[in-house]
Protein backbone atom coordinates (compact mmCIF):
# COMPACT_ATOMS: atom_id res chain seq x y z
CA MET A 1 77.04 75.19 114.75
CA PHE A 2 76.28 77.09 111.64
CA ARG A 3 73.80 76.31 109.13
CA ALA A 4 74.82 74.74 105.95
CA VAL A 5 72.80 77.06 104.08
CA TRP A 6 72.71 80.86 104.33
CA SER A 7 70.26 83.40 102.78
CA SER A 8 72.19 86.54 101.37
CA THR A 9 69.16 88.57 102.50
CA GLN A 10 70.10 87.74 106.27
CA SER A 11 72.31 90.38 108.11
CA ILE A 12 75.87 89.43 108.78
CA ILE A 13 77.90 89.95 111.99
CA PRO A 14 81.09 88.00 111.25
CA THR A 15 82.19 88.08 115.09
CA ALA A 16 78.98 86.85 116.29
CA ILE A 17 79.41 83.57 114.17
CA ILE A 18 82.65 82.64 115.85
CA LYS A 19 81.72 84.48 119.30
CA LYS A 20 82.47 81.47 121.61
CA GLU A 21 85.98 80.94 119.98
CA LEU A 22 86.84 84.52 120.10
CA LYS A 23 85.87 84.93 123.73
CA SER A 24 88.74 82.62 125.04
CA LEU A 25 91.34 84.10 122.53
CA SER A 26 93.02 86.80 124.68
CA LYS A 27 93.17 84.78 127.96
CA ASN A 28 94.70 81.81 126.15
CA MET A 29 97.20 84.25 124.43
CA GLN A 30 98.11 85.51 127.94
CA ASN A 31 98.40 82.10 129.20
CA LEU A 32 100.66 81.02 126.27
CA LEU A 33 102.88 84.20 126.89
CA GLY A 34 103.38 83.64 130.52
CA SER A 35 107.11 83.99 131.69
CA GLY A 36 108.82 83.41 134.91
CA HIS A 37 110.50 86.71 134.59
CA PRO A 38 107.92 89.33 135.80
CA ILE A 39 109.05 92.31 133.76
CA LEU A 40 109.26 90.14 130.39
CA ASP A 41 105.74 88.73 131.42
CA ARG A 42 104.30 92.31 131.48
CA VAL A 43 106.06 93.58 128.44
CA ALA A 44 104.98 90.34 126.19
CA LYS A 45 101.38 90.64 127.31
CA TYR A 46 101.16 94.53 126.77
CA TYR A 47 99.57 94.58 123.44
CA VAL A 48 97.70 91.30 124.07
CA GLN A 49 95.73 92.95 126.88
CA GLY A 50 94.58 95.88 124.76
CA ASP A 51 91.46 96.35 122.97
CA GLY A 52 92.60 94.99 119.45
CA LYS A 53 90.26 93.99 116.72
CA HIS A 54 91.61 90.54 116.46
CA MET A 55 90.61 90.72 112.87
CA ARG A 56 93.53 88.11 111.75
CA PRO A 57 92.15 85.29 114.34
CA MET A 58 88.61 86.05 113.30
CA ILE A 59 89.33 85.29 109.69
CA VAL A 60 91.08 81.94 110.55
CA LEU A 61 88.06 80.97 112.65
CA LEU A 62 85.57 81.86 110.01
CA MET A 63 87.79 80.09 107.38
CA SER A 64 87.77 76.98 109.55
CA GLN A 65 83.99 76.88 109.75
CA ALA A 66 83.67 77.75 105.92
CA ALA A 67 86.00 75.11 105.00
CA ALA A 68 84.37 72.46 107.41
CA ILE A 69 81.76 71.48 105.10
CA ALA A 70 83.88 71.92 101.82
CA PRO A 71 85.08 68.68 100.00
CA LYS A 72 87.68 66.94 102.11
CA ASP A 73 91.05 65.22 101.32
CA GLU A 74 90.20 61.45 101.26
CA ASN A 75 93.55 60.78 103.28
CA TRP A 76 92.89 63.41 105.93
CA THR A 77 91.71 61.22 108.71
CA LYS A 78 94.69 58.84 108.10
CA ILE A 79 97.47 61.32 107.54
CA ARG A 80 96.65 64.33 109.45
CA LEU A 81 94.56 62.93 112.39
CA GLY A 82 95.16 59.48 112.74
CA PRO A 83 92.63 56.51 113.43
CA ASN A 84 90.45 56.19 116.51
CA THR A 85 88.00 53.34 116.93
CA ALA A 86 85.52 55.36 118.92
CA THR A 87 85.19 58.49 116.66
CA GLY A 88 87.04 57.90 113.28
CA TYR A 89 89.82 60.22 114.09
CA MET A 90 92.21 61.43 116.85
CA SER A 91 92.41 64.93 117.92
CA LYS A 92 95.53 66.23 119.06
CA ASP A 93 96.63 67.72 122.09
CA VAL A 94 97.89 71.28 121.21
CA ASN A 95 99.60 71.90 124.68
CA ALA A 96 101.62 68.62 124.77
CA SER A 97 105.32 69.10 124.22
CA LEU A 98 107.27 66.86 121.67
CA SER A 99 110.38 67.02 123.81
CA PRO A 100 111.06 66.37 127.54
CA LEU A 101 110.13 69.34 129.64
CA ALA A 102 113.49 69.26 131.37
CA MET A 103 115.06 69.67 128.02
CA LEU A 104 113.02 72.50 126.96
CA GLN A 105 113.71 74.83 130.12
CA ASP A 106 111.03 77.07 129.30
CA PHE A 107 109.03 77.88 132.32
CA ASN A 108 105.71 79.04 131.55
CA PRO A 109 103.28 79.53 134.62
CA GLY A 110 100.33 80.23 132.40
CA LEU A 111 100.31 76.78 131.07
CA VAL A 112 98.94 75.49 134.08
CA ASN A 113 95.53 77.37 133.49
CA LEU A 114 95.02 75.90 129.92
CA ASN A 115 92.49 73.11 129.32
CA LYS A 116 94.49 70.13 128.90
CA ASP A 117 91.76 68.10 127.36
CA ALA A 118 91.99 68.71 123.75
CA ALA A 119 89.96 65.94 122.61
CA LEU A 120 87.27 67.77 120.26
CA ASN A 121 84.24 65.80 118.60
CA ILE A 122 84.03 67.01 114.95
CA ASP A 123 80.42 66.25 115.22
CA LYS A 124 79.78 68.77 117.72
CA SER A 125 82.21 71.59 116.74
CA THR A 126 83.03 72.87 113.36
CA VAL A 127 86.27 74.21 114.66
CA LEU A 128 89.14 71.79 115.82
CA SER A 129 91.40 72.47 118.60
CA THR A 130 94.41 72.64 116.14
CA GLN A 131 92.53 75.55 114.29
CA LYS A 132 91.84 77.59 117.20
CA ARG A 133 95.39 77.28 118.33
CA LEU A 134 96.15 78.49 114.91
CA ALA A 135 94.07 81.54 115.43
CA GLU A 136 96.06 82.36 118.68
CA ILE A 137 99.43 81.81 117.00
CA VAL A 138 98.44 84.28 114.22
CA GLU A 139 97.63 86.88 116.55
CA MET A 140 100.83 86.33 118.43
CA ILE A 141 102.90 86.61 115.24
CA HIS A 142 101.02 89.86 114.30
CA THR A 143 101.55 91.20 117.93
CA ALA A 144 105.30 90.51 117.55
CA SER A 145 105.31 92.38 114.42
CA LEU A 146 103.76 95.39 115.97
CA LEU A 147 106.22 95.62 118.78
CA HIS A 148 109.00 95.61 116.15
CA ASP A 149 107.23 97.83 113.72
CA ASP A 150 106.86 100.45 116.68
CA VAL A 151 110.44 100.47 117.33
CA ILE A 152 111.36 100.91 113.62
CA ASP A 153 109.02 103.68 113.04
CA ASP A 154 109.49 105.34 116.28
CA ALA A 155 105.71 105.25 117.00
CA ASP A 156 104.34 107.05 120.16
CA SER A 157 100.87 105.17 120.21
CA ARG A 158 99.18 101.95 119.14
CA ARG A 159 95.53 100.78 119.65
CA GLY A 160 94.70 103.97 121.41
CA ARG A 161 97.28 103.77 124.03
CA MET A 162 101.04 104.32 124.48
CA SER A 163 103.26 102.15 122.05
CA GLY A 164 105.43 99.38 123.62
CA ASN A 165 108.70 101.12 122.91
CA LEU A 166 107.59 104.41 124.58
CA ALA A 167 106.24 102.29 127.65
CA PHE A 168 109.25 100.04 128.19
CA GLY A 169 112.13 101.23 125.84
CA ASN A 170 113.23 100.09 122.63
CA LYS A 171 115.33 97.06 123.62
CA MET A 172 112.54 95.57 125.84
CA ALA A 173 110.06 96.13 123.02
CA VAL A 174 112.43 94.26 120.57
CA LEU A 175 113.11 91.39 123.07
CA ALA A 176 109.62 91.04 123.82
CA GLY A 177 108.69 90.72 120.17
CA ASP A 178 111.18 87.97 119.84
CA PHE A 179 109.74 86.31 122.86
CA LEU A 180 106.38 86.44 121.03
CA PHE A 181 107.88 84.90 118.02
CA GLY A 182 109.62 82.23 119.90
CA ARG A 183 106.43 81.32 121.69
CA ALA A 184 104.48 81.12 118.50
CA SER A 185 106.96 78.97 116.99
CA VAL A 186 106.61 76.47 119.96
CA SER A 187 102.78 76.29 119.60
CA LEU A 188 103.30 76.01 115.79
CA ALA A 189 105.31 72.97 116.25
CA ARG A 190 102.77 71.46 118.63
CA LEU A 191 100.15 71.44 115.98
CA ARG A 192 102.12 68.46 114.51
CA ASP A 193 101.32 69.32 110.86
CA PRO A 194 104.69 69.96 108.72
CA GLU A 195 102.84 71.86 105.68
CA VAL A 196 101.22 74.29 108.27
CA VAL A 197 104.47 74.70 110.27
CA GLU A 198 106.22 75.61 107.04
CA LEU A 199 103.48 78.01 105.85
CA LEU A 200 103.76 79.80 109.05
CA SER A 201 107.22 79.79 109.70
CA THR A 202 107.76 81.51 106.24
CA VAL A 203 105.49 84.19 107.28
CA ILE A 204 108.13 85.31 109.70
CA ALA A 205 110.97 85.37 107.23
CA ASN A 206 108.40 87.10 105.05
CA LEU A 207 107.85 89.91 107.64
CA VAL A 208 111.56 90.68 107.80
CA GLU A 209 112.06 90.69 103.91
CA GLY A 210 108.91 93.07 103.36
CA GLU A 211 110.37 95.38 106.16
CA PHE A 212 113.77 95.37 104.38
CA MET A 213 111.97 96.37 101.31
CA GLN A 214 110.23 99.22 103.00
CA LEU A 215 113.32 100.41 104.69
CA LYS A 216 115.35 100.88 101.48
CA ASN A 217 112.58 102.26 99.34
CA SER A 218 115.09 104.04 97.18
CA SER A 219 115.76 104.42 93.46
CA ALA A 220 117.72 101.01 93.44
CA ASP A 221 114.49 99.43 94.22
CA TYR A 222 112.42 101.22 91.93
CA ASN A 223 114.94 100.90 89.18
CA SER A 224 114.96 104.59 88.47
CA PRO A 225 113.18 107.83 89.84
CA GLU A 226 110.61 107.43 87.07
CA PHE A 227 107.59 105.67 87.06
CA SER A 228 107.11 102.16 85.48
CA LYS A 229 105.25 99.14 86.01
CA GLU A 230 107.92 97.76 88.23
CA THR A 231 107.30 100.55 90.56
CA MET A 232 103.85 99.35 91.61
CA GLU A 233 104.95 95.78 91.46
CA TYR A 234 107.67 96.61 94.09
CA TYR A 235 105.23 98.02 96.36
CA LEU A 236 102.64 95.27 96.10
CA GLN A 237 105.44 92.74 96.48
CA LYS A 238 106.31 94.43 99.64
CA SER A 239 102.71 94.88 100.89
CA TYR A 240 102.28 90.99 100.41
CA LEU A 241 105.22 90.41 102.74
CA LYS A 242 104.41 92.73 105.43
CA THR A 243 100.62 92.24 105.61
CA ALA A 244 99.14 89.66 103.19
CA SER A 245 101.38 86.87 103.82
CA LEU A 246 100.30 86.24 107.34
CA ILE A 247 96.65 86.48 106.45
CA SER A 248 96.94 83.98 103.21
CA LYS A 249 99.03 81.44 104.82
CA SER A 250 97.07 81.17 107.93
CA CYS A 251 93.80 80.81 105.75
CA ARG A 252 95.35 78.04 103.91
CA GLY A 253 96.67 76.47 107.11
CA ALA A 254 93.32 76.51 108.56
CA ALA A 255 91.90 74.88 105.55
CA LEU A 256 94.46 72.08 105.73
CA LEU A 257 94.07 71.45 109.46
CA GLY A 258 90.33 70.85 108.70
CA GLY A 259 91.04 68.23 105.97
CA ALA A 260 90.45 70.48 102.98
CA THR A 261 91.08 69.23 99.45
CA ARG A 262 93.98 71.08 97.52
CA GLU A 263 91.51 73.04 95.58
CA VAL A 264 89.82 74.30 98.74
CA ALA A 265 93.14 75.18 100.45
CA ASP A 266 94.18 77.04 97.34
CA ALA A 267 90.86 79.14 97.38
CA ALA A 268 91.62 79.77 101.22
CA TYR A 269 95.08 80.96 100.28
CA ASN A 270 93.72 83.41 97.32
CA TYR A 271 90.90 84.90 99.58
CA GLY A 272 93.64 85.70 102.24
CA LYS A 273 96.23 87.04 99.75
CA ASN A 274 93.73 89.49 98.07
CA LEU A 275 92.17 90.30 101.39
CA GLY A 276 95.44 91.20 102.98
CA LEU A 277 96.55 93.34 100.30
CA ALA A 278 93.21 95.28 100.23
CA PHE A 279 93.56 95.87 104.21
CA GLN A 280 96.99 97.29 103.33
CA ILE A 281 95.76 99.48 100.37
CA VAL A 282 92.92 100.77 102.39
CA ASP A 283 95.41 101.59 105.51
CA ASP A 284 97.29 103.64 102.72
CA LEU A 285 94.44 105.52 101.86
CA LEU A 286 93.31 106.29 105.43
CA ASP A 287 96.69 107.73 105.99
CA PHE A 288 95.65 110.48 103.56
CA THR A 289 91.99 110.79 104.61
CA VAL A 290 91.28 110.45 108.52
CA THR A 291 92.95 111.77 111.69
CA GLY A 292 95.15 110.08 114.22
CA VAL A 293 92.47 109.79 116.49
CA GLU A 294 90.43 107.75 114.18
CA LEU A 295 93.27 105.52 113.15
CA GLY A 296 94.42 104.75 116.55
CA LYS A 297 97.74 105.74 115.44
CA PRO A 298 99.59 108.72 114.01
CA ALA A 299 97.98 109.72 110.67
CA GLY A 300 99.86 111.00 107.98
CA ALA A 301 103.19 109.20 109.23
CA ASP A 302 103.99 107.36 106.07
CA LEU A 303 105.63 110.16 104.20
CA LYS A 304 107.25 111.38 107.35
CA LEU A 305 108.81 107.99 107.51
CA GLY A 306 109.89 108.23 103.74
CA LEU A 307 107.46 105.53 102.62
CA ALA A 308 105.85 105.87 99.13
CA THR A 309 102.25 104.10 99.33
CA ALA A 310 99.60 103.43 96.87
CA PRO A 311 98.38 107.11 96.66
CA VAL A 312 101.78 108.55 96.20
CA LEU A 313 102.79 106.04 93.52
CA PHE A 314 99.61 106.84 91.36
CA ALA A 315 100.29 110.56 91.74
CA PHE A 316 103.89 109.82 90.69
CA GLU A 317 102.49 108.42 87.48
CA LYS A 318 100.99 111.81 86.83
CA TYR A 319 103.71 114.01 88.42
CA PRO A 320 107.23 112.60 87.66
CA GLU A 321 108.73 115.48 89.88
CA LEU A 322 107.71 112.87 92.72
CA GLY A 323 110.39 110.69 91.66
CA PRO A 324 113.40 112.54 93.29
CA MET A 325 111.39 112.81 96.26
CA ILE A 326 110.79 108.99 96.58
CA GLU A 327 114.51 108.43 95.91
CA ARG A 328 115.53 110.61 98.86
CA GLN A 329 112.62 109.33 101.06
CA PHE A 330 111.07 112.87 101.37
CA ASP A 331 113.78 113.90 103.65
CA GLN A 332 113.96 117.78 102.27
CA PRO A 333 112.18 120.37 103.83
CA GLY A 334 108.77 120.72 102.10
CA ASP A 335 108.99 117.26 100.54
CA VAL A 336 106.20 115.91 102.68
CA GLU A 337 103.90 118.98 102.01
CA LYS A 338 104.31 118.91 98.26
CA ALA A 339 103.66 115.05 98.01
CA ARG A 340 100.41 115.49 99.76
CA GLU A 341 99.68 118.41 97.44
CA TYR A 342 100.40 116.08 94.33
CA VAL A 343 98.29 113.27 95.64
CA ALA A 344 95.66 115.85 96.26
CA ASN A 345 95.77 117.34 92.77
CA SER A 346 95.46 113.85 91.07
CA ASP A 347 93.31 110.99 90.77
CA ALA A 348 95.41 109.00 93.27
CA LEU A 349 93.09 108.46 96.03
CA THR A 350 90.26 107.34 93.65
CA ARG A 351 92.58 104.94 91.79
CA THR A 352 93.70 103.65 95.24
CA ARG A 353 90.21 102.97 96.50
CA GLN A 354 89.52 101.36 92.93
CA LEU A 355 92.39 98.97 93.42
CA ALA A 356 91.36 97.94 97.03
CA GLU A 357 87.86 97.39 95.55
CA GLU A 358 89.35 95.12 92.87
CA LEU A 359 91.33 93.11 95.45
CA SER A 360 88.18 93.00 97.73
CA GLN A 361 86.08 91.45 95.07
CA ASN A 362 88.85 88.87 94.02
CA ALA A 363 88.81 87.81 97.72
CA ILE A 364 84.92 87.19 97.70
CA ASP A 365 85.24 85.39 94.26
CA ALA A 366 87.90 83.10 95.59
CA ILE A 367 85.81 81.42 98.03
CA SER A 368 82.74 81.17 95.81
CA ILE A 369 83.62 77.42 95.36
CA PHE A 370 82.89 76.79 99.10
CA PRO A 371 79.25 75.47 100.09
CA GLU A 372 76.99 78.43 100.92
CA SER A 373 77.19 78.98 104.92
CA GLU A 374 77.01 81.50 107.43
CA ALA A 375 80.77 81.50 107.76
CA ARG A 376 81.34 81.85 104.09
CA ALA A 377 78.95 84.79 104.20
CA GLY A 378 80.91 86.41 107.24
CA LEU A 379 84.24 85.96 105.29
CA GLN A 380 82.76 87.71 102.19
CA ASP A 381 81.31 90.39 104.64
CA VAL A 382 84.64 90.94 105.85
CA ALA A 383 86.03 91.59 102.48
CA ARG A 384 83.59 94.22 101.68
CA LYS A 385 83.83 95.84 105.04
CA ALA A 386 87.58 96.19 104.42
CA LEU A 387 86.61 99.14 102.20
CA LYS A 388 84.64 100.90 104.76
CA ARG A 389 87.08 100.75 107.56
CA ARG A 390 87.54 104.27 109.38
CA LYS A 391 89.74 103.14 112.22
């Protein structure tokens, strides 16, 4: 249980605040992803068993705690949880199917290991069973997108180990990603909250839309090989769809599952949107400033993939000759090297960092309406540390 009042002078370790909830995350995810087919079982769990940072689940769990003491929707217990004579509310069994199991025909041996007792006393815990499951769903969606991204990018490493496409082949990696999306969708439906289902379902579509925007990355997308306001707007929209959509909508979902008012839910969404964009922009910056060993994946890969990220676009504003290179996706000999030189000879890296700082501060400000708590301080610390990531 976190304290209702938190002193800003105290040190913050965000993962320590929700240590108990994070401890069971990987095991629960592996159970949710169990398959009766041994090869699919192995491929689907490949990234889940790795040493991921679990940043997105951590944010969802922290948001759940921070919103727990924020103003509540007066109809929450009646509409979202239902009455209960003993506790005043009825918790949901997030493992219970809505359809007869015989009709689902989805054999998952891992489910037998899950705790079927989903009852949760709100007076004893600040994170509901539905919010814990949402954190697991978010990580499943993110992991599925990594499997697909690595196929698209022809990656050779992920999280310090061989990428899924190299370990199992492109076809199996794509199918495993589809399987993760499917299992995430089933778990999402069992939350029994239409608005949260809608939010997280659109994330999957957003990921695809963002990927298409990134794959095109042509003069048609940027209107012309000349820098304009629309150039950066296109990039930020693509970044929202690919990265920030999942974080922003899961933050809002966590608040709604906890009975938050619309104002609190909106603040949670704005926190996630700004934080997600800051994450992506810092990633773009790191691609120019650190090594592949530090990143845990190949460094300097964006230009080789034909992608014009924030540093390149800021350099483009000063060096118009970058326009034709962006248009042809840096596919001519020397394009990548020239682009890196233009970035180095401009203020592009400084401006990229300034943009990330602005977004990070926006995230911190968004949840200033929440009551002071250890969890709120943890979320604000995550936003600050987004600027200091090295790997």
